[in-house]
Amino acid sequence: MSRKIITINRTYGSNGRLIGKALAEELGIHYYDKELLKITSEQNDIPYEELLKVDEKRASPWRYPVNDPYQMNPQFRFDPFNDVLFRTQSEVIESLANKEDCVIIGRCANQILGDRCISVFIHAPYEERVKTVMARLDRTEKSARAMIKKVDKDRRSYYEYFTDEKWLDMSQYNLCIDSSRFSQDEIVRMLAAMFREDQYIQ
């Protein structure tokens, strides 16, 4: 039986993660975000905290991403944790797609699954995202702007490195939503309708 998967890529501060979690709750299905790190940690016997450092980041060509004895372990000596994480998460995502309906946040899941998923991109104007990050994390405006630029750069670099596709190329997604134009409830209803009707074209 074919499973229904919704993948959500998102710009930082657009509330894509919160929308994905609310959507999973509305549909009564599993939600995977940091949970994928925990599964990878268990399968590779790498501490969760070490994988968190490289989550949705590509490896630096000049240095190891984690300056830690674990990275020097013979098992990973020539295999940066970024690559270990992506490879294992890809296997986990494939496995999930074969056994359950779910919502998956980021991690190139839309490219890994291709036409087996409903791929969504959540974005919002930069200034709106600055306000969101300031309110959510109690950051100064300067700090919020710096954080948005850094996280977006990391996500874009990670996505483009592992997929050879452009992160902001909207043509590769089934649906792109400006979250500043709708309430969270409205967006959840739209996505839930897509999921239930299963009427989407890759």
Protein backbone atom coordinates (compact mmCIF):
# COMPACT_ATOMS: atom_id res chain seq x y z
CA MET A 1 0.00 0.00 0.00
CA SER A 2 1.36 3.40 -0.98
CA ARG A 3 1.93 5.77 1.93
CA LYS A 4 1.25 9.50 1.92
CA ILE A 5 4.16 11.73 2.85
CA ILE A 6 4.26 15.51 3.07
CA THR A 7 7.74 17.04 3.01
CA ILE A 8 8.22 20.64 4.11
CA ASN A 9 11.22 22.76 3.24
CA ARG A 10 11.24 26.23 4.78
CA THR A 11 13.10 29.48 5.11
CA TYR A 12 14.11 30.26 8.67
CA GLY A 13 11.47 32.22 10.56
CA SER A 14 8.64 31.31 8.19
CA ASN A 15 7.12 28.94 10.79
CA GLY A 16 7.46 25.91 8.52
CA ARG A 17 8.34 23.65 11.44
CA LEU A 18 5.36 24.78 13.51
CA ILE A 19 3.05 24.39 10.52
CA GLY A 20 4.36 20.88 9.89
CA LYS A 21 3.85 19.86 13.50
CA ALA A 22 0.31 21.27 13.57
CA LEU A 23 -0.45 19.51 10.29
CA ALA A 24 0.71 16.15 11.63
CA GLU A 25 -1.46 16.64 14.71
CA GLU A 26 -4.46 17.56 12.54
CA LEU A 27 -4.01 14.46 10.39
CA GLY A 28 -3.13 12.14 13.27
CA ILE A 29 0.16 11.03 11.69
CA HIS A 30 3.78 11.11 12.77
CA TYR A 31 5.95 14.21 12.51
CA TYR A 32 9.68 13.90 11.88
CA ASP A 33 12.19 16.68 12.41
CA LYS A 34 14.86 16.26 15.09
CA GLU A 35 13.44 12.76 15.55
CA LEU A 36 15.43 11.75 12.47
CA LEU A 37 18.62 12.69 14.31
CA LYS A 38 17.68 10.43 17.21
CA ILE A 39 17.10 7.48 14.89
CA THR A 40 20.42 8.14 13.14
CA SER A 41 22.18 8.44 16.50
CA GLU A 42 20.89 5.03 17.56
CA GLN A 43 21.76 3.35 14.26
CA ASN A 44 25.33 4.70 14.12
CA ASP A 45 26.12 4.86 17.83
CA ILE A 46 26.95 8.56 17.55
CA PRO A 47 25.81 10.89 20.36
CA TYR A 48 22.73 12.90 19.42
CA GLU A 49 24.48 16.11 20.49
CA GLU A 50 27.25 15.54 17.92
CA LEU A 51 24.78 15.03 15.07
CA LEU A 52 22.88 18.13 16.15
CA LYS A 53 26.01 20.18 15.39
CA VAL A 54 25.92 19.18 11.71
CA ASP A 55 22.16 18.95 11.18
CA GLU A 56 21.20 20.44 7.78
CA LYS A 57 24.77 21.62 7.19
CA ARG A 58 27.24 20.47 4.56
CA ALA A 59 30.76 19.53 5.59
CA SER A 60 33.47 22.15 5.29
CA PRO A 61 36.06 21.24 2.63
CA TRP A 62 38.78 22.64 4.92
CA ARG A 63 38.14 21.04 8.30
CA TYR A 64 36.12 18.44 10.12
CA PRO A 65 32.68 19.76 11.11
CA VAL A 66 33.02 18.31 14.61
CA ASN A 67 36.23 18.68 16.57
CA ASP A 68 35.54 15.68 18.72
CA PRO A 69 37.11 12.27 19.45
CA TYR A 70 34.06 10.64 17.84
CA GLN A 71 34.98 12.15 14.46
CA MET A 72 38.47 10.69 14.87
CA ASN A 73 37.07 7.21 15.45
CA PRO A 74 38.37 4.87 12.70
CA GLN A 75 34.78 4.22 11.65
CA PHE A 76 34.33 7.89 10.69
CA ARG A 77 37.93 9.08 10.22
CA PHE A 78 37.45 9.86 6.53
CA ASP A 79 33.68 10.24 6.54
CA PRO A 80 32.42 13.57 8.01
CA PHE A 81 29.40 13.30 10.29
CA ASN A 82 27.50 15.50 7.81
CA ASP A 83 27.77 12.74 5.21
CA VAL A 84 27.07 9.99 7.72
CA LEU A 85 23.98 11.86 8.87
CA PHE A 86 22.68 12.51 5.35
CA ARG A 87 23.26 8.93 4.21
CA THR A 88 21.58 7.36 7.23
CA GLN A 89 18.72 9.88 7.28
CA SER A 90 18.07 9.12 3.62
CA GLU A 91 17.75 5.43 4.47
CA VAL A 92 15.44 6.26 7.37
CA ILE A 93 13.27 8.51 5.16
CA GLU A 94 13.00 5.76 2.54
CA SER A 95 11.99 3.30 5.24
CA LEU A 96 9.36 5.65 6.67
CA ALA A 97 7.88 6.22 3.21
CA ASN A 98 7.36 2.48 2.87
CA LYS A 99 5.59 1.93 6.17
CA GLU A 100 3.65 4.99 7.36
CA ASP A 101 2.00 8.29 6.50
CA CYS A 102 3.96 11.19 7.96
CA VAL A 103 5.21 14.77 7.74
CA ILE A 104 8.96 15.23 7.27
CA ILE A 105 10.71 18.57 7.82
CA GLY A 106 13.70 19.46 5.62
CA ARG A 107 16.59 16.99 5.20
CA CYS A 108 16.18 16.95 1.39
CA ALA A 109 13.26 14.55 1.86
CA ASN A 110 11.46 15.92 -1.20
CA GLN A 111 14.41 14.97 -3.41
CA ILE A 112 14.96 11.64 -1.69
CA LEU A 113 11.33 10.60 -2.21
CA GLY A 114 10.60 12.33 -5.52
CA ASP A 115 7.05 11.77 -6.72
CA ARG A 116 6.24 9.65 -3.69
CA CYS A 117 5.59 12.76 -1.62
CA ILE A 118 3.68 16.02 -1.58
CA SER A 119 6.50 18.56 -1.49
CA VAL A 120 5.84 21.93 0.10
CA PHE A 121 8.00 25.03 0.50
CA ILE A 122 7.06 27.51 3.24
CA HIS A 123 8.53 30.99 2.95
CA ALA A 124 7.82 34.55 4.08
CA PRO A 125 9.22 38.03 3.41
CA TYR A 126 12.52 38.68 5.13
CA GLU A 127 11.22 41.50 7.33
CA GLU A 128 8.33 39.35 8.52
CA ARG A 129 10.76 36.60 9.43
CA VAL A 130 12.91 39.03 11.38
CA LYS A 131 9.88 39.98 13.48
CA THR A 132 9.01 36.31 14.02
CA VAL A 133 12.50 35.35 15.19
CA MET A 134 12.71 38.38 17.48
CA ALA A 135 9.42 37.46 19.13
CA ARG A 136 9.95 33.71 19.28
CA LEU A 137 13.53 33.74 20.60
CA ASP A 138 13.59 37.11 22.34
CA ARG A 139 16.40 38.27 20.04
CA THR A 140 17.47 41.78 19.18
CA GLU A 141 16.79 42.86 15.61
CA LYS A 142 20.48 42.66 14.74
CA SER A 143 20.77 39.16 16.19
CA ALA A 144 17.61 37.98 14.43
CA ARG A 145 18.85 39.23 11.06
CA ALA A 146 22.21 37.53 11.51
CA MET A 147 20.59 34.28 12.57
CA ILE A 148 18.19 34.20 9.62
CA LYS A 149 21.00 34.78 7.14
CA LYS A 150 23.18 32.09 8.71
CA VAL A 151 20.49 29.40 8.95
CA ASP A 152 19.17 30.08 5.45
CA LYS A 153 22.73 29.92 4.09
CA ASP A 154 23.36 26.61 5.89
CA ARG A 155 20.11 25.09 4.64
CA ARG A 156 20.67 26.25 1.08
CA SER A 157 24.27 25.00 1.03
CA TYR A 158 23.26 21.65 2.52
CA TYR A 159 20.37 21.15 0.11
CA GLU A 160 22.29 22.14 -3.00
CA TYR A 161 25.37 20.10 -2.04
CA PHE A 162 23.45 16.87 -1.51
CA THR A 163 20.84 17.23 -4.27
CA ASP A 164 22.47 19.30 -7.05
CA GLU A 165 19.22 21.29 -7.14
CA LYS A 166 18.54 24.91 -6.23
CA TRP A 167 16.89 25.23 -2.83
CA LEU A 168 14.89 28.29 -3.90
CA ASP A 169 13.80 26.87 -7.25
CA MET A 170 10.07 26.84 -6.59
CA SER A 171 9.36 24.70 -9.67
CA GLN A 172 10.55 21.59 -7.83
CA TYR A 173 7.86 21.84 -5.15
CA ASN A 174 4.20 20.89 -5.49
CA LEU A 175 3.09 23.88 -3.44
CA CYS A 176 4.83 27.05 -2.24
CA ILE A 177 3.16 29.12 0.47
CA ASP A 178 3.92 32.60 1.80
CA SER A 179 3.09 32.02 5.46
CA SER A 180 2.71 35.76 6.07
CA ARG A 181 -0.40 35.81 3.86
CA PHE A 182 -2.37 33.18 5.76
CA SER A 183 -2.91 32.12 9.34
CA GLN A 184 -1.35 28.87 10.54
CA ASP A 185 -4.81 27.30 10.76
CA GLU A 186 -5.57 28.26 7.15
CA ILE A 187 -2.31 26.76 5.90
CA VAL A 188 -2.88 23.57 7.89
CA ARG A 189 -6.36 23.25 6.39
CA MET A 190 -4.98 23.69 2.86
CA LEU A 191 -2.30 21.07 3.33
CA ALA A 192 -4.64 18.68 5.10
CA ALA A 193 -7.05 18.93 2.15
CA MET A 194 -4.22 18.09 -0.27
CA PHE A 195 -3.24 15.13 1.86
CA ARG A 196 -6.77 13.78 2.17
CA GLU A 197 -7.71 14.26 -1.48
CA ASP A 198 -4.33 13.04 -2.69
CA GLN A 199 -4.76 15.18 -5.80
CA TYR A 200 -1.32 16.50 -6.60
CA ILE A 201 0.91 16.30 -9.64
CA GLN A 202 4.68 16.04 -9.58
